[in-house]
Every structure is written in structure tokens, then in C-alpha cells.
Amino acid sequence: MVESITDAEIRKLAESPIDKRVYVGFEPSGVLHLGHMLTANKLIDLQEVGMKVVVLLADLHAYLNGKGYLDEIRHTADNMRKQFIAYGLKEDQTEFVYGSDFQLEKEYILDLHKLGTLVTLNRANRAMAEIQSGDVPKVSQAVYPIMQALDMHYLDLDLAVGGTDQRKVHVLARELLPELGYTPCPMIHTPILSNLTTGIGKMSSSVGTTISMEDSQESIHEKINKAFCPPLSDPPLDQDGNKPENPVLQIFQFHIFPRFQQITIEREDKHGGNILYHSYIDLQNDLESGDLHPQDAKKTLAHYLDTLIQPGRTTLTD
């Protein structure tokens, strides 16, 4: 977690988390990838303290965003459900909800229209997900963030989880729901992984390279081997003056160490022998100081990622 809205509300919720409802929404537009799985790690943590997880498989959202016909999207959503369980969410503590199951009901539609009278197009556009450069946003995409706000009430939530790219729509929900007499829930935001090949911008299947549950072991090793991973703690700025992140370290921090109690870097004796890490910060320090070679870090990262992804990959072929 990198931020919360608000910290006081989160602390109060943490005093009695048993059976409280925490949600995340995903647009079913492809196979699960590292971005989805990062949020899933937080949901797994919250299940461990007794919270009930609600995963919104937002098929209607995907339809409004031009991601295909509803039947196609529903098939993708069914696969995502299986992959989340394979990745580690507990089936008996996870409720999967399809948006079309409640977003077409009369009461929901009337509330949506009420919110539509309160929100300007400029305000909706600011809360929209990013669109490709040169594209003109459609009316359906402007409705999208208003629906996200309304979903939080209709799913009867105690907590909402999302990446930092969801901050704007979460703030919109905090502003809008009281206008209908509804109380917004607190929110927590997880980090966004950097572009795997450059360290600049976010990791995305549409820009650059990402890793998903459909990737083979060979594909994972190939992608990680090509990942941006400077050996120094102060990498050079790019041509636009941006300081890149280290996506290899990010994946260790947000994916590997939360799921494994210890990490073993296997090396030949002539290269110093194996290293055992119990904390992310020790691995980070060794990589940035040069005591750990980037290629050794990448090889190890690919191995542990494959271990996490393999059950979901099997689900796709069953």
C-alpha cells in the first residue's frame, strides 16, 4: 500500500476487520497480468486478517470501453475468476460479482442518471482511465467513472482497493456518493509497476512488455532477462529528464517477498555462492551496491515469478 483515503478510517477498520467487505474491480479485457496480481496480493493479505473479498468482474464497464461484445467479455471474466483462485485468493472467502448482474437494475440506473446531472464532462474526463493518444473519448467512457463510484455503494463495501491510477475515480466517489445520501467507504491504493523495458511510465500490455498468466516459463525468463535493471542506485536520467524506476526491484518488493518467506539467489561458488534473503531491503541494498549482479537477480526473479504464475497457467489449459 502506498496511500489511503483516509488514514484515520483505515485505522478504525483495522480494529475490527473480521467479515468486513473489501473490493476491487477489474475490467475483463485480457489474461491476468502483474498489475492485477499486485492488487491480488493485497487482497490475500486482507483475507488473512479475516476480511471478505469482493471482486467485481466489470463486464459492462469493459463493454462501454469498447473491449468487445458482452458474451466475449463474460468468457474472459470467467477465466479471470479461475485465475484469481489459482493465484491464491481463497474461494470460500471471495465473492465474484459480474457488473451486469446489478448495473442494469432500475434503482441503479436511476441513481446513475442522478449522478449524471451532478457531474460535468470535464470532471468525468479527469477521472477517466487513460485513453490512447489521439483518441477522442466517447460518452460511454465518461459514464464509466460515475458507474465506478456507484458500484462502491451497491456492493455494500467497507473498503475499496485499487492502484494509484484509481485515485481520481475514488476521490470522485467520495464527492458524489453523499449527494445521494450514501456513505463512501475508505480506500487504499497499491503501487503501479514501471515499464519493464525502460523503467519509465507504467507496465502495460499495450505499451512495452508485461508478464501474464498465459506466459510460458521460457517467455518469463526471456522477458525478465531483457528487463531494465541498472546496477547503481542512481541510474541516469532519460532524454526527457525523467528518472527511471527499477522494475526488477519493484517486482521483488511487491510480488515476490510478500509471497515467499525467503529468497535464495543461486550462484556458483566461484561467484560467491548462494545468498539467502529474508527481507527485500537487503536484496535491494546488495543490488544497488554491486554485491548482487543484475543477471543473478533477474534469473532468480524469473524462477519465483514462474512459481507464482504456474497454477494460473495450468488453469488456462484445463
Protein backbone atom coordinates (compact mmCIF):
# COMPACT_ATOMS: atom_id res chain seq x y z
CA MET A 1 0.00 0.00 0.00
CA VAL A 2 1.28 3.46 -0.83
CA GLU A 3 -1.59 5.68 0.33
CA SER A 4 -5.01 5.64 1.98
CA ILE A 5 -8.19 7.72 1.99
CA THR A 6 -8.31 8.35 4.85
CA ASP A 7 -5.70 7.04 7.24
CA ALA A 8 -7.98 7.51 10.24
CA GLU A 9 -10.77 5.48 8.61
CA ILE A 10 -8.36 2.68 7.68
CA ARG A 11 -7.04 2.50 11.25
CA LYS A 12 -10.56 2.27 12.63
CA LEU A 13 -11.42 -0.51 10.16
CA ALA A 14 -8.26 -2.38 11.17
CA GLU A 15 -9.53 -2.57 14.76
CA SER A 16 -12.30 -4.96 13.69
CA PRO A 17 -11.64 -6.43 10.22
CA ILE A 18 -13.47 -9.76 10.63
CA ASP A 19 -16.12 -10.24 7.91
CA LYS A 20 -15.72 -6.70 6.61
CA ARG A 21 -16.10 -6.44 2.83
CA VAL A 22 -13.16 -5.28 0.71
CA TYR A 23 -13.49 -4.85 -3.03
CA VAL A 24 -11.50 -4.39 -6.18
CA GLY A 25 -12.88 -4.01 -9.68
CA PHE A 26 -11.29 -5.34 -12.85
CA GLU A 27 -12.29 -4.82 -16.45
CA PRO A 28 -12.18 -8.29 -18.07
CA SER A 29 -10.21 -7.39 -21.17
CA GLY A 30 -7.45 -10.00 -21.17
CA VAL A 31 -5.48 -12.51 -19.17
CA LEU A 32 -4.38 -11.69 -15.62
CA HIS A 33 -1.06 -9.85 -15.58
CA LEU A 34 1.32 -8.50 -12.95
CA GLY A 35 -0.80 -5.39 -12.41
CA HIS A 36 -3.83 -7.47 -11.45
CA MET A 37 -1.71 -9.77 -9.32
CA LEU A 38 -0.17 -6.89 -7.38
CA THR A 39 -3.63 -5.87 -6.18
CA ALA A 40 -4.47 -9.53 -5.57
CA ASN A 41 -1.51 -9.73 -3.17
CA LYS A 42 -3.13 -7.03 -1.04
CA LEU A 43 -6.47 -8.86 -1.14
CA ILE A 44 -4.74 -12.05 0.01
CA ASP A 45 -3.26 -10.10 2.94
CA LEU A 46 -6.71 -8.77 3.85
CA GLN A 47 -8.21 -12.26 3.68
CA GLU A 48 -5.56 -13.39 6.15
CA VAL A 49 -6.93 -10.93 8.73
CA GLY A 50 -10.49 -12.12 8.17
CA MET A 51 -11.94 -9.79 5.56
CA LYS A 52 -14.33 -10.96 2.84
CA VAL A 53 -13.07 -10.15 -0.65
CA VAL A 54 -15.42 -8.94 -3.38
CA VAL A 55 -14.01 -8.99 -6.91
CA LEU A 56 -16.08 -7.05 -9.41
CA LEU A 57 -15.60 -8.54 -12.86
CA ALA A 58 -16.76 -5.40 -14.63
CA ASP A 59 -18.14 -6.83 -17.86
CA LEU A 60 -20.45 -3.89 -18.52
CA HIS A 61 -17.59 -1.45 -17.92
CA ALA A 62 -15.50 -3.36 -20.47
CA TYR A 63 -18.37 -3.21 -22.98
CA LEU A 64 -18.71 0.57 -22.51
CA ASN A 65 -14.95 0.87 -23.04
CA GLY A 66 -15.15 -0.89 -26.40
CA LYS A 67 -13.50 -4.15 -25.32
CA GLY A 68 -15.84 -6.44 -27.24
CA TYR A 69 -19.31 -7.98 -27.11
CA LEU A 70 -20.77 -8.95 -23.73
CA ASP A 71 -20.61 -12.70 -24.44
CA GLU A 72 -16.90 -12.45 -25.28
CA ILE A 73 -16.22 -10.29 -22.24
CA ARG A 74 -18.13 -12.67 -19.97
CA HIS A 75 -15.97 -15.57 -21.18
CA THR A 76 -12.84 -13.56 -20.35
CA ALA A 77 -14.31 -12.74 -16.93
CA ASP A 78 -14.93 -16.44 -16.22
CA ASN A 79 -11.27 -17.18 -16.99
CA MET A 80 -10.12 -14.32 -14.75
CA ARG A 81 -12.17 -15.76 -11.89
CA LYS A 82 -10.41 -19.12 -12.21
CA GLN A 83 -7.01 -17.42 -12.40
CA PHE A 84 -7.57 -15.38 -9.23
CA ILE A 85 -8.36 -18.55 -7.31
CA ALA A 86 -5.35 -20.31 -8.81
CA TYR A 87 -3.16 -17.35 -7.84
CA GLY A 88 -4.10 -17.59 -4.17
CA LEU A 89 -7.42 -15.97 -3.33
CA LYS A 90 -9.46 -18.25 -1.08
CA GLU A 91 -12.53 -19.44 -2.94
CA ASP A 92 -14.71 -19.67 0.18
CA GLN A 93 -13.81 -16.09 1.18
CA THR A 94 -14.09 -14.49 -2.25
CA GLU A 95 -17.29 -13.29 -3.87
CA PHE A 96 -17.07 -12.74 -7.62
CA VAL A 97 -19.69 -10.33 -8.95
CA TYR A 98 -20.41 -9.53 -12.60
CA GLY A 99 -21.29 -5.89 -13.18
CA SER A 100 -24.18 -6.79 -15.46
CA ASP A 101 -25.82 -8.66 -12.55
CA PHE A 102 -26.74 -5.40 -10.81
CA GLN A 103 -25.80 -2.44 -13.03
CA LEU A 104 -28.89 -2.87 -15.24
CA GLU A 105 -31.37 -2.79 -12.36
CA LYS A 106 -33.84 0.09 -12.27
CA GLU A 107 -32.64 1.57 -8.98
CA TYR A 108 -29.00 1.57 -10.14
CA ILE A 109 -29.90 3.20 -13.47
CA LEU A 110 -31.91 5.92 -11.74
CA ASP A 111 -29.01 6.67 -9.40
CA LEU A 112 -26.68 6.75 -12.39
CA HIS A 113 -28.88 9.36 -14.05
CA LYS A 114 -28.97 11.39 -10.84
CA LEU A 115 -25.18 11.44 -10.72
CA GLY A 116 -25.12 12.36 -14.40
CA THR A 117 -26.91 15.59 -13.54
CA LEU A 118 -24.24 16.44 -10.95
CA VAL A 119 -21.04 15.74 -12.90
CA THR A 120 -19.68 17.89 -15.73
CA LEU A 121 -18.00 16.27 -18.71
CA ASN A 122 -14.72 17.92 -17.70
CA ARG A 123 -14.95 16.38 -14.22
CA ALA A 124 -15.78 12.95 -15.64
CA ASN A 125 -12.92 13.19 -18.13
CA ARG A 126 -10.44 13.94 -15.37
CA ALA A 127 -11.49 10.75 -13.58
CA MET A 128 -11.47 8.58 -16.70
CA ALA A 129 -8.89 5.91 -17.30
CA GLU A 130 -6.14 6.92 -19.71
CA ILE A 131 -7.01 6.66 -23.38
CA GLN A 132 -4.61 6.24 -26.26
CA SER A 133 -3.09 9.41 -27.62
CA GLY A 134 -5.19 10.87 -30.41
CA ASP A 135 -8.38 9.05 -29.41
CA VAL A 136 -11.49 11.12 -28.70
CA PRO A 137 -13.31 9.95 -25.53
CA LYS A 138 -16.83 8.61 -26.05
CA VAL A 139 -19.87 9.34 -23.91
CA SER A 140 -19.74 5.76 -22.61
CA GLN A 141 -16.22 6.35 -21.30
CA ALA A 142 -17.37 9.46 -19.48
CA VAL A 143 -20.13 7.42 -17.79
CA TYR A 144 -17.57 4.78 -16.77
CA PRO A 145 -16.11 6.59 -13.71
CA ILE A 146 -19.58 7.58 -12.46
CA MET A 147 -20.52 3.90 -12.50
CA GLN A 148 -17.36 3.03 -10.59
CA ALA A 149 -18.39 5.45 -7.87
CA LEU A 150 -21.87 3.98 -7.70
CA ASP A 151 -20.56 0.40 -7.61
CA MET A 152 -18.99 1.09 -4.23
CA HIS A 153 -22.41 1.68 -2.69
CA TYR A 154 -24.26 -1.15 -4.40
CA LEU A 155 -21.66 -3.72 -3.40
CA ASP A 156 -22.11 -2.78 0.29
CA LEU A 157 -18.40 -2.23 0.93
CA ASP A 158 -16.26 -1.44 3.93
CA LEU A 159 -13.07 -0.87 1.93
CA ALA A 160 -12.06 -0.30 -1.70
CA VAL A 161 -8.66 -1.29 -3.12
CA GLY A 162 -7.11 -0.11 -6.37
CA GLY A 163 -3.89 1.02 -7.96
CA THR A 164 -2.82 4.63 -7.68
CA ASP A 165 -4.31 5.10 -11.16
CA GLN A 166 -7.72 4.73 -9.46
CA ARG A 167 -7.13 7.69 -7.14
CA LYS A 168 -9.13 10.16 -9.24
CA VAL A 169 -12.21 8.00 -9.50
CA HIS A 170 -12.03 7.16 -5.79
CA VAL A 171 -11.92 10.85 -4.94
CA LEU A 172 -14.89 11.34 -7.28
CA ALA A 173 -16.80 8.68 -5.35
CA ARG A 174 -16.02 10.44 -2.06
CA GLU A 175 -17.53 13.60 -3.51
CA LEU A 176 -20.56 12.12 -5.27
CA LEU A 177 -21.99 9.40 -3.05
CA PRO A 178 -23.02 11.76 -0.22
CA GLU A 179 -25.09 13.67 -2.81
CA LEU A 180 -27.32 10.58 -2.98
CA GLY A 181 -27.32 10.10 0.77
CA TYR A 182 -24.76 7.26 0.60
CA THR A 183 -21.65 6.98 2.75
CA PRO A 184 -18.42 6.30 0.82
CA CYS A 185 -16.05 3.69 2.16
CA PRO A 186 -12.33 4.26 2.78
CA MET A 187 -9.84 3.38 0.06
CA ILE A 188 -6.28 2.11 -0.15
CA HIS A 189 -4.06 2.35 -3.20
CA THR A 190 -1.35 -0.03 -4.33
CA PRO A 191 1.68 0.96 -6.45
CA ILE A 192 1.84 0.87 -10.23
CA LEU A 193 4.69 -1.17 -11.71
CA SER A 194 7.03 0.61 -14.09
CA ASN A 195 7.56 -0.24 -17.74
CA LEU A 196 9.56 -3.46 -17.76
CA THR A 197 11.96 -2.47 -20.52
CA THR A 198 12.60 1.20 -19.72
CA GLY A 199 11.61 1.88 -16.10
CA ILE A 200 9.69 4.95 -17.35
CA GLY A 201 5.89 5.02 -17.29
CA LYS A 202 3.68 2.14 -16.17
CA MET A 203 3.86 -1.51 -17.12
CA SER A 204 1.16 -2.17 -19.69
CA SER A 205 0.25 -4.86 -22.19
CA SER A 206 -0.46 -2.12 -24.74
CA VAL A 207 2.85 -0.29 -24.21
CA GLY A 208 6.06 -2.27 -23.95
CA THR A 209 6.15 -5.63 -22.17
CA THR A 210 4.20 -7.16 -19.34
CA ILE A 211 4.01 -10.62 -17.79
CA SER A 212 0.75 -12.52 -17.60
CA MET A 213 -0.61 -15.89 -16.56
CA GLU A 214 -0.52 -17.08 -20.15
CA ASP A 215 3.27 -16.69 -20.37
CA SER A 216 5.35 -19.83 -20.56
CA GLN A 217 8.36 -20.41 -18.33
CA GLU A 218 10.59 -19.61 -21.28
CA SER A 219 8.73 -16.40 -22.03
CA ILE A 220 9.00 -15.21 -18.43
CA HIS A 221 12.76 -15.82 -18.37
CA GLU A 222 13.18 -14.06 -21.71
CA LYS A 223 11.18 -11.00 -20.64
CA ILE A 224 12.90 -10.67 -17.26
CA ASN A 225 16.30 -11.15 -18.86
CA LYS A 226 15.61 -8.09 -21.05
CA ALA A 227 14.21 -6.02 -18.17
CA PHE A 228 15.69 -2.67 -17.21
CA CYS A 229 17.85 -3.25 -14.14
CA PRO A 230 20.71 -0.78 -13.61
CA PRO A 231 23.30 -1.94 -11.05
CA LEU A 232 23.65 1.52 -9.47
CA SER A 233 21.28 3.28 -7.05
CA ASP A 234 21.36 6.46 -9.14
CA PRO A 235 20.52 5.50 -12.76
CA PRO A 236 20.97 8.14 -15.44
CA LEU A 237 18.02 10.29 -16.49
CA ASP A 238 16.35 9.61 -19.83
CA GLN A 239 16.34 12.14 -22.68
CA ASP A 240 13.30 13.91 -21.20
CA GLY A 241 14.91 14.27 -17.78
CA ASN A 242 12.86 11.50 -16.14
CA LYS A 243 14.44 9.25 -13.55
CA PRO A 244 13.60 5.61 -14.30
CA GLU A 245 12.46 3.12 -11.69
CA ASN A 246 13.92 -0.36 -11.42
CA PRO A 247 11.10 -2.75 -12.38
CA VAL A 248 13.12 -5.80 -11.30
CA LEU A 249 13.34 -4.42 -7.76
CA GLN A 250 9.67 -3.43 -7.84
CA ILE A 251 8.59 -6.96 -8.72
CA PHE A 252 10.76 -8.38 -5.94
CA GLN A 253 9.26 -5.89 -3.48
CA PHE A 254 5.60 -6.13 -4.43
CA HIS A 255 5.25 -9.67 -5.77
CA ILE A 256 7.97 -11.99 -4.51
CA PHE A 257 8.75 -11.04 -0.92
CA PRO A 258 5.05 -10.77 0.07
CA ARG A 259 4.51 -14.39 -1.04
CA PHE A 260 7.76 -16.14 -0.04
CA GLN A 261 9.35 -16.19 3.41
CA GLN A 262 12.85 -16.31 1.97
CA ILE A 263 14.54 -15.88 -1.39
CA THR A 264 17.59 -17.86 -2.49
CA ILE A 265 19.95 -16.47 -5.12
CA GLU A 266 21.74 -19.47 -6.59
CA ARG A 267 25.31 -18.76 -7.70
CA GLU A 268 28.37 -20.85 -8.40
CA ASP A 269 30.99 -20.90 -5.64
CA LYS A 270 33.45 -19.02 -7.84
CA HIS A 271 30.92 -16.18 -7.98
CA GLY A 272 30.39 -16.07 -4.22
CA GLY A 273 27.98 -18.95 -3.69
CA ASN A 274 24.30 -18.82 -2.83
CA ILE A 275 22.75 -15.89 -0.97
CA LEU A 276 19.68 -16.21 1.24
CA TYR A 277 17.45 -13.15 1.69
CA HIS A 278 14.70 -12.76 4.28
CA SER A 279 13.95 -9.11 3.54
CA TYR A 280 13.55 -7.04 0.41
CA ILE A 281 15.71 -4.19 1.69
CA ASP A 282 18.76 -6.46 1.97
CA LEU A 283 18.38 -7.60 -1.63
CA GLN A 284 17.87 -4.01 -2.77
CA ASN A 285 21.00 -2.84 -0.95
CA ASP A 286 23.11 -5.64 -2.43
CA LEU A 287 21.88 -5.00 -5.97
CA GLU A 288 22.40 -1.25 -5.74
CA SER A 289 25.85 -1.62 -4.17
CA GLY A 290 27.03 -4.11 -6.78
CA ASP A 291 27.30 -7.07 -4.37
CA LEU A 292 24.49 -8.73 -6.31
CA HIS A 293 24.82 -8.86 -10.09
CA PRO A 294 21.71 -7.84 -12.07
CA GLN A 295 21.77 -11.08 -14.06
CA ASP A 296 21.72 -13.16 -10.86
CA ALA A 297 18.79 -11.08 -9.60
CA LYS A 298 16.92 -11.48 -12.90
CA LYS A 299 17.45 -15.24 -13.06
CA THR A 300 16.10 -15.62 -9.52
CA LEU A 301 13.17 -13.29 -10.15
CA ALA A 302 12.11 -15.26 -13.22
CA HIS A 303 12.19 -18.50 -11.21
CA TYR A 304 9.97 -17.21 -8.40
CA LEU A 305 7.58 -15.48 -10.81
CA ASP A 306 7.15 -18.72 -12.70
CA THR A 307 6.31 -20.47 -9.42
CA LEU A 308 3.55 -17.91 -8.74
CA ILE A 309 2.16 -17.95 -12.26
CA GLN A 310 2.27 -21.68 -12.98
CA PRO A 311 -1.07 -22.55 -11.27
CA GLY A 312 -2.89 -19.90 -13.31
CA ARG A 313 -1.19 -21.04 -16.50
CA THR A 314 -2.44 -24.56 -15.80
CA THR A 315 -5.97 -23.20 -15.30
CA LEU A 316 -5.94 -21.73 -18.81
CA THR A 317 -5.14 -25.12 -20.36
CA ASP A 318 -7.60 -27.21 -18.32
